[in-house]
PDB file of N, CA and C in Angstrom:
ATOM      1  N   MET A   1      80.426  81.108  83.117  1.00  0.00           N
ATOM      2  CA  MET A   1      80.912  82.440  82.859  1.00  0.00           C
ATOM      3  C   MET A   1      80.605  82.794  81.415  1.00  0.00           C
ATOM      4  N   GLU A   2      79.848  83.859  81.203  1.00  0.00           N
ATOM      5  CA  GLU A   2      79.581  84.333  79.852  1.00  0.00           C
ATOM      6  C   GLU A   2      79.728  85.849  79.842  1.00  0.00           C
ATOM      7  N   TYR A   3      80.867  86.351  79.463  1.00  0.00           N
ATOM      8  CA  TYR A   3      81.127  87.784  79.377  1.00  0.00           C
ATOM      9  C   TYR A   3      81.416  88.113  77.926  1.00  0.00           C
ATOM     10  N   GLY A   4      80.379  88.427  77.186  1.00  0.00           N
ATOM     11  CA  GLY A   4      80.581  88.702  75.781  1.00  0.00           C
ATOM     12  C   GLY A   4      81.106  87.455  75.106  1.00  0.00           C
ATOM     13  N   ASP A   5      82.029  87.640  74.209  1.00  0.00           N
ATOM     14  CA  ASP A   5      82.581  86.507  73.491  1.00  0.00           C
ATOM     15  C   ASP A   5      84.000  86.231  73.980  1.00  0.00           C
ATOM     16  N   PHE A   6      84.126  85.817  75.240  1.00  0.00           N
ATOM     17  CA  PHE A   6      85.452  85.579  75.799  1.00  0.00           C
ATOM     18  C   PHE A   6      86.165  84.463  75.052  1.00  0.00           C
ATOM     19  N   ARG A   7      85.423  83.517  74.513  1.00  0.00           N
ATOM     20  CA  ARG A   7      86.065  82.414  73.781  1.00  0.00           C
ATOM     21  C   ARG A   7      86.794  82.915  72.535  1.00  0.00           C
ATOM     22  N   GLU A   8      86.210  83.854  71.839  1.00  0.00           N
ATOM     23  CA  GLU A   8      86.866  84.386  70.638  1.00  0.00           C
ATOM     24  C   GLU A   8      88.134  85.152  71.024  1.00  0.00           C
ATOM     25  N   ARG A   9      88.065  85.932  72.098  1.00  0.00           N
ATOM     26  CA  ARG A   9      89.271  86.643  72.554  1.00  0.00           C
ATOM     27  C   ARG A   9      90.329  85.647  73.001  1.00  0.00           C
ATOM     28  N   LEU A  10      89.915  84.586  73.663  1.00  0.00           N
ATOM     29  CA  LEU A  10      90.845  83.556  74.110  1.00  0.00           C
ATOM     30  C   LEU A  10      91.461  82.839  72.913  1.00  0.00           C
ATOM     31  N   ARG A  11      90.635  82.507  71.944  1.00  0.00           N
ATOM     32  CA  ARG A  11      91.121  81.835  70.737  1.00  0.00           C
ATOM     33  C   ARG A  11      92.169  82.700  70.014  1.00  0.00           C
ATOM     34  N   THR A  12      91.914  83.987  69.914  1.00  0.00           N
ATOM     35  CA  THR A  12      92.843  84.911  69.273  1.00  0.00           C
ATOM     36  C   THR A  12      94.155  85.004  70.052  1.00  0.00           C
ATOM     37  N   ALA A  13      94.064  85.048  71.377  1.00  0.00           N
ATOM     38  CA  ALA A  13      95.267  85.123  72.212  1.00  0.00           C
ATOM     39  C   ALA A  13      96.098  83.855  72.104  1.00  0.00           C
ATOM     40  N   VAL A  14      95.437  82.714  72.034  1.00  0.00           N
ATOM     41  CA  VAL A  14      96.153  81.435  71.875  1.00  0.00           C
ATOM     42  C   VAL A  14      96.879  81.429  70.537  1.00  0.00           C
ATOM     43  N   ALA A  15      96.214  81.841  69.482  1.00  0.00           N
ATOM     44  CA  ALA A  15      96.838  81.853  68.156  1.00  0.00           C
ATOM     45  C   ALA A  15      98.051  82.779  68.126  1.00  0.00           C
ATOM     46  N   ALA A  16      97.953  83.913  68.803  1.00  0.00           N
ATOM     47  CA  ALA A  16      99.063  84.863  68.831  1.00  0.00           C
ATOM     48  C   ALA A  16     100.233  84.369  69.681  1.00  0.00           C
ATOM     49  N   SER A  17      99.973  83.427  70.564  1.00  0.00           N
ATOM     50  CA  SER A  17     101.011  82.956  71.484  1.00  0.00           C
ATOM     51  C   SER A  17     101.967  81.950  70.859  1.00  0.00           C
ATOM     52  N   ASP A  18     101.585  81.344  69.753  1.00  0.00           N
ATOM     53  CA  ASP A  18     102.372  80.279  69.120  1.00  0.00           C
ATOM     54  C   ASP A  18     102.561  79.074  70.040  1.00  0.00           C
ATOM     55  N   LYS A  19     101.657  78.906  71.001  1.00  0.00           N
ATOM     56  CA  LYS A  19     101.676  77.742  71.888  1.00  0.00           C
ATOM     57  C   LYS A  19     100.485  76.862  71.534  1.00  0.00           C
ATOM     58  N   SER A  20     100.617  75.588  71.769  1.00  0.00           N
ATOM     59  CA  SER A  20      99.509  74.680  71.485  1.00  0.00           C
ATOM     60  C   SER A  20      98.484  74.732  72.613  1.00  0.00           C
ATOM     61  N   LEU A  21      97.269  74.330  72.295  1.00  0.00           N
ATOM     62  CA  LEU A  21      96.231  74.238  73.325  1.00  0.00           C
ATOM     63  C   LEU A  21      96.687  73.321  74.447  1.00  0.00           C
ATOM     64  N   ARG A  22      97.297  72.203  74.075  1.00  0.00           N
ATOM     65  CA  ARG A  22      97.779  71.231  75.051  1.00  0.00           C
ATOM     66  C   ARG A  22      98.832  71.849  75.974  1.00  0.00           C
ATOM     67  N   ALA A  23      99.815  72.553  75.394  1.00  0.00           N
ATOM     68  CA  ALA A  23     100.888  73.159  76.191  1.00  0.00           C
ATOM     69  C   ALA A  23     100.332  74.186  77.176  1.00  0.00           C
ATOM     70  N   ILE A  24      99.377  74.991  76.716  1.00  0.00           N
ATOM     71  CA  ILE A  24      98.779  76.002  77.597  1.00  0.00           C
ATOM     72  C   ILE A  24      97.983  75.334  78.705  1.00  0.00           C
ATOM     73  N   SER A  25      97.210  74.319  78.355  1.00  0.00           N
ATOM     74  CA  SER A  25      96.413  73.595  79.355  1.00  0.00           C
ATOM     75  C   SER A  25      97.304  73.013  80.440  1.00  0.00           C
ATOM     76  N   LEU A  26      98.375  72.358  80.026  1.00  0.00           N
ATOM     77  CA  LEU A  26      99.286  71.742  80.998  1.00  0.00           C
ATOM     78  C   LEU A  26      99.996  72.797  81.843  1.00  0.00           C
ATOM     79  N   ALA A  27     100.406  73.904  81.216  1.00  0.00           N
ATOM     80  CA  ALA A  27     101.065  74.979  81.964  1.00  0.00           C
ATOM     81  C   ALA A  27     100.120  75.605  82.991  1.00  0.00           C
ATOM     82  N   ALA A  28      98.821  75.538  82.714  1.00  0.00           N
ATOM     83  CA  ALA A  28      97.821  76.084  83.637  1.00  0.00           C
ATOM     84  C   ALA A  28      97.450  75.087  84.734  1.00  0.00           C
ATOM     85  N   GLY A  29      98.082  73.919  84.702  1.00  0.00           N
ATOM     86  CA  GLY A  29      97.808  72.915  85.730  1.00  0.00           C
ATOM     87  C   GLY A  29      96.546  72.114  85.481  1.00  0.00           C
ATOM     88  N   ALA A  30      96.098  72.099  84.238  1.00  0.00           N
ATOM     89  CA  ALA A  30      94.882  71.358  83.884  1.00  0.00           C
ATOM     90  C   ALA A  30      95.263  70.154  83.033  1.00  0.00           C
ATOM     91  N   GLY A  31      94.278  69.365  82.688  1.00  0.00           N
ATOM     92  CA  GLY A  31      94.505  68.228  81.812  1.00  0.00           C
ATOM     93  C   GLY A  31      94.839  68.695  80.404  1.00  0.00           C
ATOM     94  N   PRO A  32      95.408  67.831  79.578  1.00  0.00           N
ATOM     95  CA  PRO A  32      95.861  68.232  78.242  1.00  0.00           C
ATOM     96  C   PRO A  32      94.756  68.734  77.318  1.00  0.00           C
ATOM     97  N   GLY A  33      93.524  68.335  77.518  1.00  0.00           N
ATOM     98  CA  GLY A  33      92.427  68.756  76.649  1.00  0.00           C
ATOM     99  C   GLY A  33      91.565  69.867  77.223  1.00  0.00           C
ATOM    100  N   TYR A  34      92.002  70.461  78.325  1.00  0.00           N
ATOM    101  CA  TYR A  34      91.178  71.449  79.022  1.00  0.00           C
ATOM    102  C   TYR A  34      90.805  72.641  78.129  1.00  0.00           C
ATOM    103  N   LEU A  35      91.797  73.260  77.507  1.00  0.00           N
ATOM    104  CA  LEU A  35      91.527  74.433  76.689  1.00  0.00           C
ATOM    105  C   LEU A  35      90.686  74.075  75.467  1.00  0.00           C
ATOM    106  N   HIS A  36      90.921  72.917  74.894  1.00  0.00           N
ATOM    107  CA  HIS A  36      90.097  72.448  73.777  1.00  0.00           C
ATOM    108  C   HIS A  36      88.633  72.345  74.210  1.00  0.00           C
ATOM    109  N   SER A  37      88.402  71.838  75.421  1.00  0.00           N
ATOM    110  CA  SER A  37      87.021  71.685  75.892  1.00  0.00           C
ATOM    111  C   SER A  37      86.336  73.036  76.081  1.00  0.00           C
ATOM    112  N   ILE A  38      87.100  74.067  76.405  1.00  0.00           N
ATOM    113  CA  ILE A  38      86.524  75.411  76.546  1.00  0.00           C
ATOM    114  C   ILE A  38      86.221  75.996  75.170  1.00  0.00           C
ATOM    115  N   LEU A  39      87.205  75.925  74.274  1.00  0.00           N
ATOM    116  CA  LEU A  39      87.069  76.579  72.978  1.00  0.00           C
ATOM    117  C   LEU A  39      86.176  75.830  72.005  1.00  0.00           C
ATOM    118  N   GLU A  40      86.228  74.518  72.022  1.00  0.00           N
ATOM    119  CA  GLU A  40      85.500  73.742  71.011  1.00  0.00           C
ATOM    120  C   GLU A  40      84.231  73.083  71.526  1.00  0.00           C
ATOM    121  N   GLU A  41      84.174  72.778  72.804  1.00  0.00           N
ATOM    122  CA  GLU A  41      83.015  72.069  73.351  1.00  0.00           C
ATOM    123  C   GLU A  41      82.126  72.965  74.207  1.00  0.00           C
ATOM    124  N   GLY A  42      82.546  74.227  74.416  1.00  0.00           N
ATOM    125  CA  GLY A  42      81.719  75.163  75.167  1.00  0.00           C
ATOM    126  C   GLY A  42      81.755  75.008  76.673  1.00  0.00           C
ATOM    127  N   LYS A  43      82.745  74.271  77.199  1.00  0.00           N
ATOM    128  CA  LYS A  43      82.851  74.121  78.650  1.00  0.00           C
ATOM    129  C   LYS A  43      83.080  75.495  79.280  1.00  0.00           C
ATOM    130  N   SER A  44      82.458  75.733  80.419  1.00  0.00           N
ATOM    131  CA  SER A  44      82.630  77.000  81.130  1.00  0.00           C
ATOM    132  C   SER A  44      83.728  76.853  82.181  1.00  0.00           C
ATOM    133  N   PRO A  45      84.782  77.649  82.058  1.00  0.00           N
ATOM    134  CA  PRO A  45      85.877  77.563  83.030  1.00  0.00           C
ATOM    135  C   PRO A  45      85.550  78.313  84.310  1.00  0.00           C
ATOM    136  N   SER A  46      86.204  77.927  85.386  1.00  0.00           N
ATOM    137  CA  SER A  46      86.117  78.738  86.598  1.00  0.00           C
ATOM    138  C   SER A  46      87.015  79.953  86.391  1.00  0.00           C
ATOM    139  N   VAL A  47      86.765  81.015  87.107  1.00  0.00           N
ATOM    140  CA  VAL A  47      87.585  82.218  86.987  1.00  0.00           C
ATOM    141  C   VAL A  47      89.024  81.904  87.383  1.00  0.00           C
ATOM    142  N   ASP A  48      89.197  81.134  88.449  1.00  0.00           N
ATOM    143  CA  ASP A  48      90.538  80.777  88.921  1.00  0.00           C
ATOM    144  C   ASP A  48      91.325  80.035  87.843  1.00  0.00           C
ATOM    145  N   ARG A  49      90.716  79.064  87.219  1.00  0.00           N
ATOM    146  CA  ARG A  49      91.404  78.282  86.195  1.00  0.00           C
ATOM    147  C   ARG A  49      91.653  79.123  84.938  1.00  0.00           C
ATOM    148  N   LEU A  50      90.690  79.967  84.586  1.00  0.00           N
ATOM    149  CA  LEU A  50      90.877  80.822  83.422  1.00  0.00           C
ATOM    150  C   LEU A  50      92.034  81.790  83.638  1.00  0.00           C
ATOM    151  N   MET A  51      92.193  82.274  84.856  1.00  0.00           N
ATOM    152  CA  MET A  51      93.316  83.157  85.163  1.00  0.00           C
ATOM    153  C   MET A  51      94.647  82.414  84.994  1.00  0.00           C
ATOM    154  N   LYS A  52      94.685  81.147  85.358  1.00  0.00           N
ATOM    155  CA  LYS A  52      95.902  80.351  85.171  1.00  0.00           C
ATOM    156  C   LYS A  52      96.180  80.129  83.692  1.00  0.00           C
ATOM    157  N   VAL A  53      95.134  79.936  82.909  1.00  0.00           N
ATOM    158  CA  VAL A  53      95.289  79.806  81.460  1.00  0.00           C
ATOM    159  C   VAL A  53      95.851  81.115  80.896  1.00  0.00           C
ATOM    160  N   CYS A  54      95.308  82.242  81.344  1.00  0.00           N
ATOM    161  CA  CYS A  54      95.789  83.547  80.878  1.00  0.00           C
ATOM    162  C   CYS A  54      97.268  83.742  81.224  1.00  0.00           C
ATOM    163  N   ASP A  55      97.659  83.328  82.419  1.00  0.00           N
ATOM    164  CA  ASP A  55      99.072  83.423  82.815  1.00  0.00           C
ATOM    165  C   ASP A  55      99.953  82.570  81.905  1.00  0.00           C
ATOM    166  N   ALA A  56      99.446  81.418  81.503  1.00  0.00           N
ATOM    167  CA  ALA A  56     100.227  80.501  80.674  1.00  0.00           C
ATOM    168  C   ALA A  56     100.380  81.008  79.238  1.00  0.00           C
ATOM    169  N   ILE A  57      99.482  81.871  78.768  1.00  0.00           N
ATOM    170  CA  ILE A  57      99.543  82.310  77.364  1.00  0.00           C
ATOM    171  C   ILE A  57     100.715  83.270  77.092  1.00  0.00           C
ATOM    172  N   PRO A  58     101.027  84.312  77.742  1.00  0.00           N
ATOM    173  CA  PRO A  58     100.328  85.162  78.703  1.00  0.00           C
ATOM    174  C   PRO A  58      99.451  86.227  78.011  1.00  0.00           C
ATOM    175  N   VAL A  59      98.333  86.526  78.693  1.00  0.00           N
ATOM    176  CA  VAL A  59      97.410  87.559  78.234  1.00  0.00           C
ATOM    177  C   VAL A  59      96.658  88.064  79.465  1.00  0.00           C
ATOM    178  N   SER A  60      96.191  89.278  79.409  1.00  0.00           N
ATOM    179  CA  SER A  60      95.467  89.879  80.525  1.00  0.00           C
ATOM    180  C   SER A  60      94.132  89.172  80.756  1.00  0.00           C
ATOM    181  N   PRO A  61      93.899  88.698  81.983  1.00  0.00           N
ATOM    182  CA  PRO A  61      92.596  88.102  82.285  1.00  0.00           C
ATOM    183  C   PRO A  61      91.446  89.086  82.076  1.00  0.00           C
ATOM    184  N   ALA A  62      91.667  90.366  82.362  1.00  0.00           N
ATOM    185  CA  ALA A  62      90.616  91.372  82.164  1.00  0.00           C
ATOM    186  C   ALA A  62      90.240  91.469  80.692  1.00  0.00           C
ATOM    187  N   TYR A  63      91.230  91.348  79.824  1.00  0.00           N
ATOM    188  CA  TYR A  63      90.938  91.395  78.394  1.00  0.00           C
ATOM    189  C   TYR A  63      90.130  90.171  77.964  1.00  0.00           C
ATOM    190  N   ILE A  64      90.551  88.993  78.397  1.00  0.00           N
ATOM    191  CA  ILE A  64      89.848  87.770  77.998  1.00  0.00           C
ATOM    192  C   ILE A  64      88.428  87.762  78.557  1.00  0.00           C
ATOM    193  N   MET A  65      88.275  88.079  79.836  1.00  0.00           N
ATOM    194  CA  MET A  65      86.960  87.973  80.463  1.00  0.00           C
ATOM    195  C   MET A  65      86.013  89.105  80.080  1.00  0.00           C
ATOM    196  N   LEU A  66      86.538  90.326  79.975  1.00  0.00           N
ATOM    197  CA  LEU A  66      85.658  91.484  79.800  1.00  0.00           C
ATOM    198  C   LEU A  66      85.875  92.257  78.510  1.00  0.00           C
ATOM    199  N   GLY A  67      86.955  91.948  77.786  1.00  0.00           N
ATOM    200  CA  GLY A  67      87.258  92.697  76.585  1.00  0.00           C
ATOM    201  C   GLY A  67      87.940  94.024  76.875  1.00  0.00           C
ATOM    202  N   ILE A  68      88.431  94.180  78.098  1.00  0.00           N
ATOM    203  CA  ILE A  68      89.113  95.408  78.503  1.00  0.00           C
ATOM    204  C   ILE A  68      90.610  95.137  78.525  1.00  0.00           C
ATOM    205  N   ASP A  69      91.355  95.882  77.740  1.00  0.00           N
ATOM    206  CA  ASP A  69      92.794  95.680  77.670  1.00  0.00           C
ATOM    207  C   ASP A  69      93.470  96.499  78.763  1.00  0.00           C
ATOM    208  N   ALA A  70      93.458  95.980  79.978  1.00  0.00           N
ATOM    209  CA  ALA A  70      94.030  96.676  81.127  1.00  0.00           C
ATOM    210  C   ALA A  70      95.523  96.403  81.225  1.00  0.00           C
ATOM    211  N   LYS A  71      96.274  97.459  81.392  1.00  0.00           N
ATOM    212  CA  LYS A  71      97.717  97.354  81.585  1.00  0.00           C
ATOM    213  C   LYS A  71      97.993  97.085  83.066  1.00  0.00           C
ATOM    214  N   PRO A  72      99.193  96.617  83.396  1.00  0.00           N
ATOM    215  CA  PRO A  72      99.519  96.365  84.811  1.00  0.00           C
ATOM    216  C   PRO A  72      99.303  97.601  85.694  1.00  0.00           C
ATOM    217  N   GLU A  73      99.601  98.781  85.150  1.00  0.00           N
ATOM    218  CA  GLU A  73      99.398 100.010  85.916  1.00  0.00           C
ATOM    219  C   GLU A  73      97.916 100.235  86.212  1.00  0.00           C
ATOM    220  N   ASP A  74      97.065  99.903  85.241  1.00  0.00           N
ATOM    221  CA  ASP A  74      95.619 100.028  85.437  1.00  0.00           C
ATOM    222  C   ASP A  74      95.155  99.108  86.557  1.00  0.00           C
ATOM    223  N   MET A  75      95.685  97.897  86.558  1.00  0.00           N
ATOM    224  CA  MET A  75      95.296  96.922  87.582  1.00  0.00           C
ATOM    225  C   MET A  75      95.760  97.376  88.961  1.00  0.00           C
ATOM    226  N   THR A  76      96.933  98.010  89.041  1.00  0.00           N
ATOM    227  CA  THR A  76      97.427  98.543  90.309  1.00  0.00           C
ATOM    228  C   THR A  76      96.478  99.608  90.841  1.00  0.00           C
ATOM    229  N   ILE A  77      96.036 100.495  89.952  1.00  0.00           N
ATOM    230  CA  ILE A  77      95.088 101.537  90.350  1.00  0.00           C
ATOM    231  C   ILE A  77      93.796 100.911  90.854  1.00  0.00           C
ATOM    232  N   LEU A  78      93.279  99.919  90.142  1.00  0.00           N
ATOM    233  CA  LEU A  78      92.042  99.257  90.563  1.00  0.00           C
ATOM    234  C   LEU A  78      92.195  98.587  91.928  1.00  0.00           C
ATOM    235  N   GLU A  79      93.330  97.936  92.147  1.00  0.00           N
ATOM    236  CA  GLU A  79      93.574  97.305  93.444  1.00  0.00           C
ATOM    237  C   GLU A  79      93.616  98.338  94.560  1.00  0.00           C
ATOM    238  N   LEU A  80      94.282  99.462  94.332  1.00  0.00           N
ATOM    239  CA  LEU A  80      94.362 100.518  95.342  1.00  0.00           C
ATOM    240  C   LEU A  80      92.985 101.110  95.630  1.00  0.00           C
ATOM    241  N   LEU A  81      92.194 101.317  94.577  1.00  0.00           N
ATOM    242  CA  LEU A  81      90.848 101.846  94.773  1.00  0.00           C
ATOM    243  C   LEU A  81      89.961 100.862  95.517  1.00  0.00           C
ATOM    244  N   HIS A  82      90.139  99.592  95.231  1.00  0.00           N
ATOM    245  CA  HIS A  82      89.362  98.566  95.922  1.00  0.00           C
ATOM    246  C   HIS A  82      89.682  98.547  97.418  1.00  0.00           C
ATOM    247  N   LYS A  83      90.938  98.772  97.752  1.00  0.00           N
ATOM    248  CA  LYS A  83      91.367  98.750  99.158  1.00  0.00           C
ATOM    249  C   LYS A  83      90.990 100.018  99.906  1.00  0.00           C
ATOM    250  N   ASN A  84      90.656 101.090  99.176  1.00  0.00           N
ATOM    251  CA  ASN A  84      90.335 102.355  99.820  1.00  0.00           C
ATOM    252  C   ASN A  84      89.043 102.929  99.246  1.00  0.00           C
ATOM    253  N   PRO A  85      87.904 102.498  99.777  1.00  0.00           N
ATOM    254  CA  PRO A  85      86.607 102.945  99.243  1.00  0.00           C
ATOM    255  C   PRO A  85      86.408 104.456  99.298  1.00  0.00           C
ATOM    256  N   ASP A  86      86.966 105.129 100.309  1.00  0.00           N
ATOM    257  CA  ASP A  86      86.798 106.586 100.389  1.00  0.00           C
ATOM    258  C   ASP A  86      87.459 107.277  99.199  1.00  0.00           C
ATOM    259  N   ALA A  87      88.662 106.830  98.853  1.00  0.00           N
ATOM    260  CA  ALA A  87      89.352 107.404  97.697  1.00  0.00           C
ATOM    261  C   ALA A  87      88.569 107.100  96.416  1.00  0.00           C
ATOM    262  N   ARG A  88      88.058 105.885  96.311  1.00  0.00           N
ATOM    263  CA  ARG A  88      87.275 105.499  95.132  1.00  0.00           C
ATOM    264  C   ARG A  88      86.062 106.403  94.984  1.00  0.00           C
ATOM    265  N   ASP A  89      85.348 106.617  96.089  1.00  0.00           N
ATOM    266  CA  ASP A  89      84.158 107.464  96.039  1.00  0.00           C
ATOM    267  C   ASP A  89      84.510 108.898  95.662  1.00  0.00           C
ATOM    268  N   GLY A  90      85.629 109.402  96.190  1.00  0.00           N
ATOM    269  CA  GLY A  90      86.083 110.750  95.858  1.00  0.00           C
ATOM    270  C   GLY A  90      86.422 110.885  94.382  1.00  0.00           C
ATOM    271  N   ILE A  91      87.113 109.905  93.848  1.00  0.00           N
ATOM    272  CA  ILE A  91      87.474 109.935  92.430  1.00  0.00           C
ATOM    273  C   ILE A  91      86.237 109.840  91.562  1.00  0.00           C
ATOM    274  N   LEU A  92      85.272 109.018  91.955  1.00  0.00           N
ATOM    275  CA  LEU A  92      84.031 108.935  91.180  1.00  0.00           C
ATOM    276  C   LEU A  92      83.289 110.274  91.195  1.00  0.00           C
ATOM    277  N   ARG A  93      83.307 110.971  92.318  1.00  0.00           N
ATOM    278  CA  ARG A  93      82.670 112.292  92.386  1.00  0.00           C
ATOM    279  C   ARG A  93      83.387 113.279  91.453  1.00  0.00           C
ATOM    280  N   ILE A  94      84.714 113.249  91.468  1.00  0.00           N
ATOM    281  CA  ILE A  94      85.488 114.141  90.595  1.00  0.00           C
ATOM    282  C   ILE A  94      85.199 113.832  89.132  1.00  0.00           C
ATOM    283  N   LEU A  95      85.227 112.589  88.770  1.00  0.00           N
ATOM    284  CA  LEU A  95      84.972 112.208  87.379  1.00  0.00           C
ATOM    285  C   LEU A  95      83.544 112.537  86.971  1.00  0.00           C
ATOM    286  N   GLY A  96      82.613 112.359  87.880  1.00  0.00           N
ATOM    287  CA  GLY A  96      81.210 112.702  87.587  1.00  0.00           C
ATOM    288  C   GLY A  96      81.051 114.187  87.358  1.00  0.00           C
ATOM    289  N   ALA A  97      81.759 115.008  88.152  1.00  0.00           N
ATOM    290  CA  ALA A  97      81.691 116.449  87.994  1.00  0.00           C
ATOM    291  C   ALA A  97      82.356 116.888  86.700  1.00  0.00           C
ATOM    292  N   ALA A  98      83.428 116.189  86.315  1.00  0.00           N
ATOM    293  CA  ALA A  98      84.149 116.539  85.097  1.00  0.00           C
ATOM    294  C   ALA A  98      83.324 116.253  83.846  1.00  0.00           C
ATOM    295  N   SER A  99      82.448 115.252  83.916  1.00  0.00           N
ATOM    296  CA  SER A  99      81.665 114.893  82.738  1.00  0.00           C
ATOM    297  C   SER A  99      80.375 115.680  82.624  1.00  0.00           C
ATOM    298  N   SER A 100      80.067 116.505  83.626  1.00  0.00           N
ATOM    299  CA  SER A 100      78.817 117.287  83.596  1.00  0.00           C
ATOM    300  C   SER A 100      78.922 118.483  82.705  1.00  0.00           C
TER     301      SER A 100
END
Protein backbone atom coordinates (compact mmCIF):
# COMPACT_ATOMS: atom_id res chain seq x y z
CA MET A 1 0.00 0.00 0.00
CA GLU A 2 1.48 3.33 -1.05
CA TYR A 3 -0.96 6.25 -0.85
CA GLY A 4 1.13 9.37 -0.67
CA ASP A 5 3.01 9.56 2.57
CA PHE A 6 0.71 7.53 4.80
CA ARG A 7 3.64 6.73 7.10
CA GLU A 8 4.18 10.39 7.95
CA ARG A 9 0.46 10.87 8.69
CA LEU A 10 0.54 7.71 10.80
CA ARG A 11 3.66 8.86 12.64
CA THR A 12 2.01 12.21 13.41
CA ALA A 13 -1.18 10.52 14.65
CA VAL A 14 0.82 8.20 16.91
CA ALA A 15 2.71 11.14 18.40
CA ALA A 16 -0.54 13.00 19.05
CA SER A 17 -2.07 9.96 20.74
CA ASP A 18 0.45 9.81 23.61
CA LYS A 19 0.44 6.01 23.18
CA SER A 20 3.52 3.93 22.53
CA LEU A 21 4.08 2.06 19.29
CA ARG A 22 4.00 -1.15 21.30
CA ALA A 23 0.67 -0.32 23.00
CA ILE A 24 -0.96 0.56 19.68
CA SER A 25 0.39 -2.58 18.00
CA LEU A 26 -0.93 -4.81 20.77
CA ALA A 27 -4.30 -3.02 20.86
CA ALA A 28 -4.56 -3.67 17.11
CA GLY A 29 -4.06 -7.39 17.70
CA ALA A 30 -0.57 -7.45 16.22
CA GLY A 31 2.82 -8.27 17.65
CA PRO A 32 4.55 -5.67 19.84
CA GLY A 33 6.88 -4.48 17.06
CA TYR A 34 4.30 -4.31 14.28
CA LEU A 35 3.91 -0.53 14.12
CA HIS A 36 7.67 -0.04 14.42
CA SER A 37 8.15 -2.31 11.39
CA ILE A 38 5.74 -0.15 9.37
CA LEU A 39 7.15 3.21 10.41
CA GLU A 40 10.86 2.43 10.64
CA GLU A 41 11.45 -0.60 8.42
CA GLY A 42 9.02 0.23 5.61
CA LYS A 43 6.81 -2.84 6.02
CA SER A 44 3.57 -2.53 4.05
CA PRO A 45 0.48 -3.18 6.17
CA SER A 46 -2.68 -4.81 4.94
CA VAL A 47 -5.68 -2.48 4.82
CA ASP A 48 -7.47 -4.61 7.43
CA ARG A 49 -4.59 -4.42 9.90
CA LEU A 50 -4.02 -0.72 9.25
CA MET A 51 -7.67 -0.06 10.04
CA LYS A 52 -7.21 -1.85 13.38
CA VAL A 53 -4.16 0.29 14.08
CA CYS A 54 -6.22 3.40 13.28
CA ASP A 55 -8.94 2.24 15.68
CA ALA A 56 -6.33 1.74 18.40
CA ILE A 57 -4.89 5.28 18.04
CA PRO A 58 -7.83 6.45 17.29
CA VAL A 59 -7.59 8.24 13.94
CA SER A 60 -9.58 8.14 10.71
CA PRO A 61 -8.37 5.41 8.35
CA ALA A 62 -9.31 7.66 5.40
CA TYR A 63 -6.98 10.33 6.73
CA ILE A 64 -4.07 7.93 7.25
CA MET A 65 -4.48 6.12 3.93
CA LEU A 66 -5.52 8.97 1.64
CA GLY A 67 -4.85 12.21 3.50
CA ILE A 68 -8.58 12.96 3.58
CA ASP A 69 -9.89 14.04 6.96
CA ALA A 70 -13.33 12.45 6.71
CA LYS A 71 -15.74 12.92 9.58
CA PRO A 72 -18.12 10.11 10.64
CA GLU A 73 -20.95 11.93 8.86
CA ASP A 74 -18.90 11.97 5.65
CA MET A 75 -18.33 8.23 5.93
CA THR A 76 -22.08 7.67 6.44
CA ILE A 77 -22.79 9.58 3.23
CA LEU A 78 -20.18 7.55 1.34
CA GLU A 79 -21.64 4.28 2.62
CA LEU A 80 -25.16 5.32 1.58
CA LEU A 81 -23.94 6.37 -1.87
CA HIS A 82 -22.08 3.10 -2.27
CA LYS A 83 -25.25 1.15 -1.47
CA ASN A 84 -27.34 3.17 -3.92
CA PRO A 85 -25.59 3.69 -7.28
CA ASP A 86 -28.59 5.50 -8.80
CA ALA A 87 -28.47 8.17 -6.10
CA ARG A 88 -24.69 8.42 -6.50
CA ASP A 89 -25.01 8.93 -10.24
CA GLY A 90 -27.73 11.56 -9.73
CA ILE A 91 -25.62 13.48 -7.23
CA LEU A 92 -22.61 13.36 -9.55
CA ARG A 93 -24.77 14.80 -12.35
CA ILE A 94 -25.98 17.60 -10.06
CA LEU A 95 -22.47 18.41 -8.88
CA GLY A 96 -21.17 18.31 -12.45
CA ALA A 97 -23.87 20.74 -13.55
CA ALA A 98 -23.15 23.02 -10.60
CA SER A 99 -19.47 23.28 -11.52
CA SER A 100 -20.13 24.16 -15.17
